[in-house]
Amino acid sequence: MNRRMSQAVLLSTIPVPGITHYYAGEKKKARQLFYIGLGGLAGIIIGGSMMEKPQWPDTTGIGDNYEVYNSETEHETWYRKIPVSIEGGVTNYKLEKIEKEPNGSGGGLIALGILVIVGDFIYDRVWGFEKIEQKRDQVRFKYGQKMKLSFKPLIDPLAGKAGVALTLNF
């Protein structure tokens, strides 16, 4: 009965998977959620380590279709030359900027890790709050039974009265 929803909401702002279930008294489920969250974090770290530094596309065998400015510097930019017109034997080109291509296959693992962590947090919050409410209701019912507390609606349609009777028997 001492589980307060305001404290549960306050604790759920701490980004630790399983903290709401831990507060609800579900220590085994909290531990499982914590380890699932660690697995998602491990997926993000492993996926990040699999990613390589982005590189320029391979241009071997293509010929003179690219123009490179500020070569071998930090501000190196590549452009694809697209022929627009030919005037007197001189070809005019439209330049289209090219970005570096990322290498590595860690993007899917990073996305999966993020999905696992977000799903873990959502499950922990929703079902953790539900578990706290369920346990509070069980305690209320138990103490209501011990005190023999009864709640009875009173309706008298002929007299036009409606009311509620709350009786407590010891």
Foldseek 3Di string as FASTA:
>chain_A
DPQDVVVLVVQLVPLAQLRLLVSLVNVVVSVVLNVLLVVLVVLQVVLVVQKDDFAADDCPPVPPQKDWDPPPDPPIWMWGWDFDDADPNDTDTDTHTDDTGIDGDSPVSNVVSVVSSVVSSVCSSPVSSVSNVVVVVVVVVVVCVVQVWDKDWDDDVVVRDTDIDIDTDD
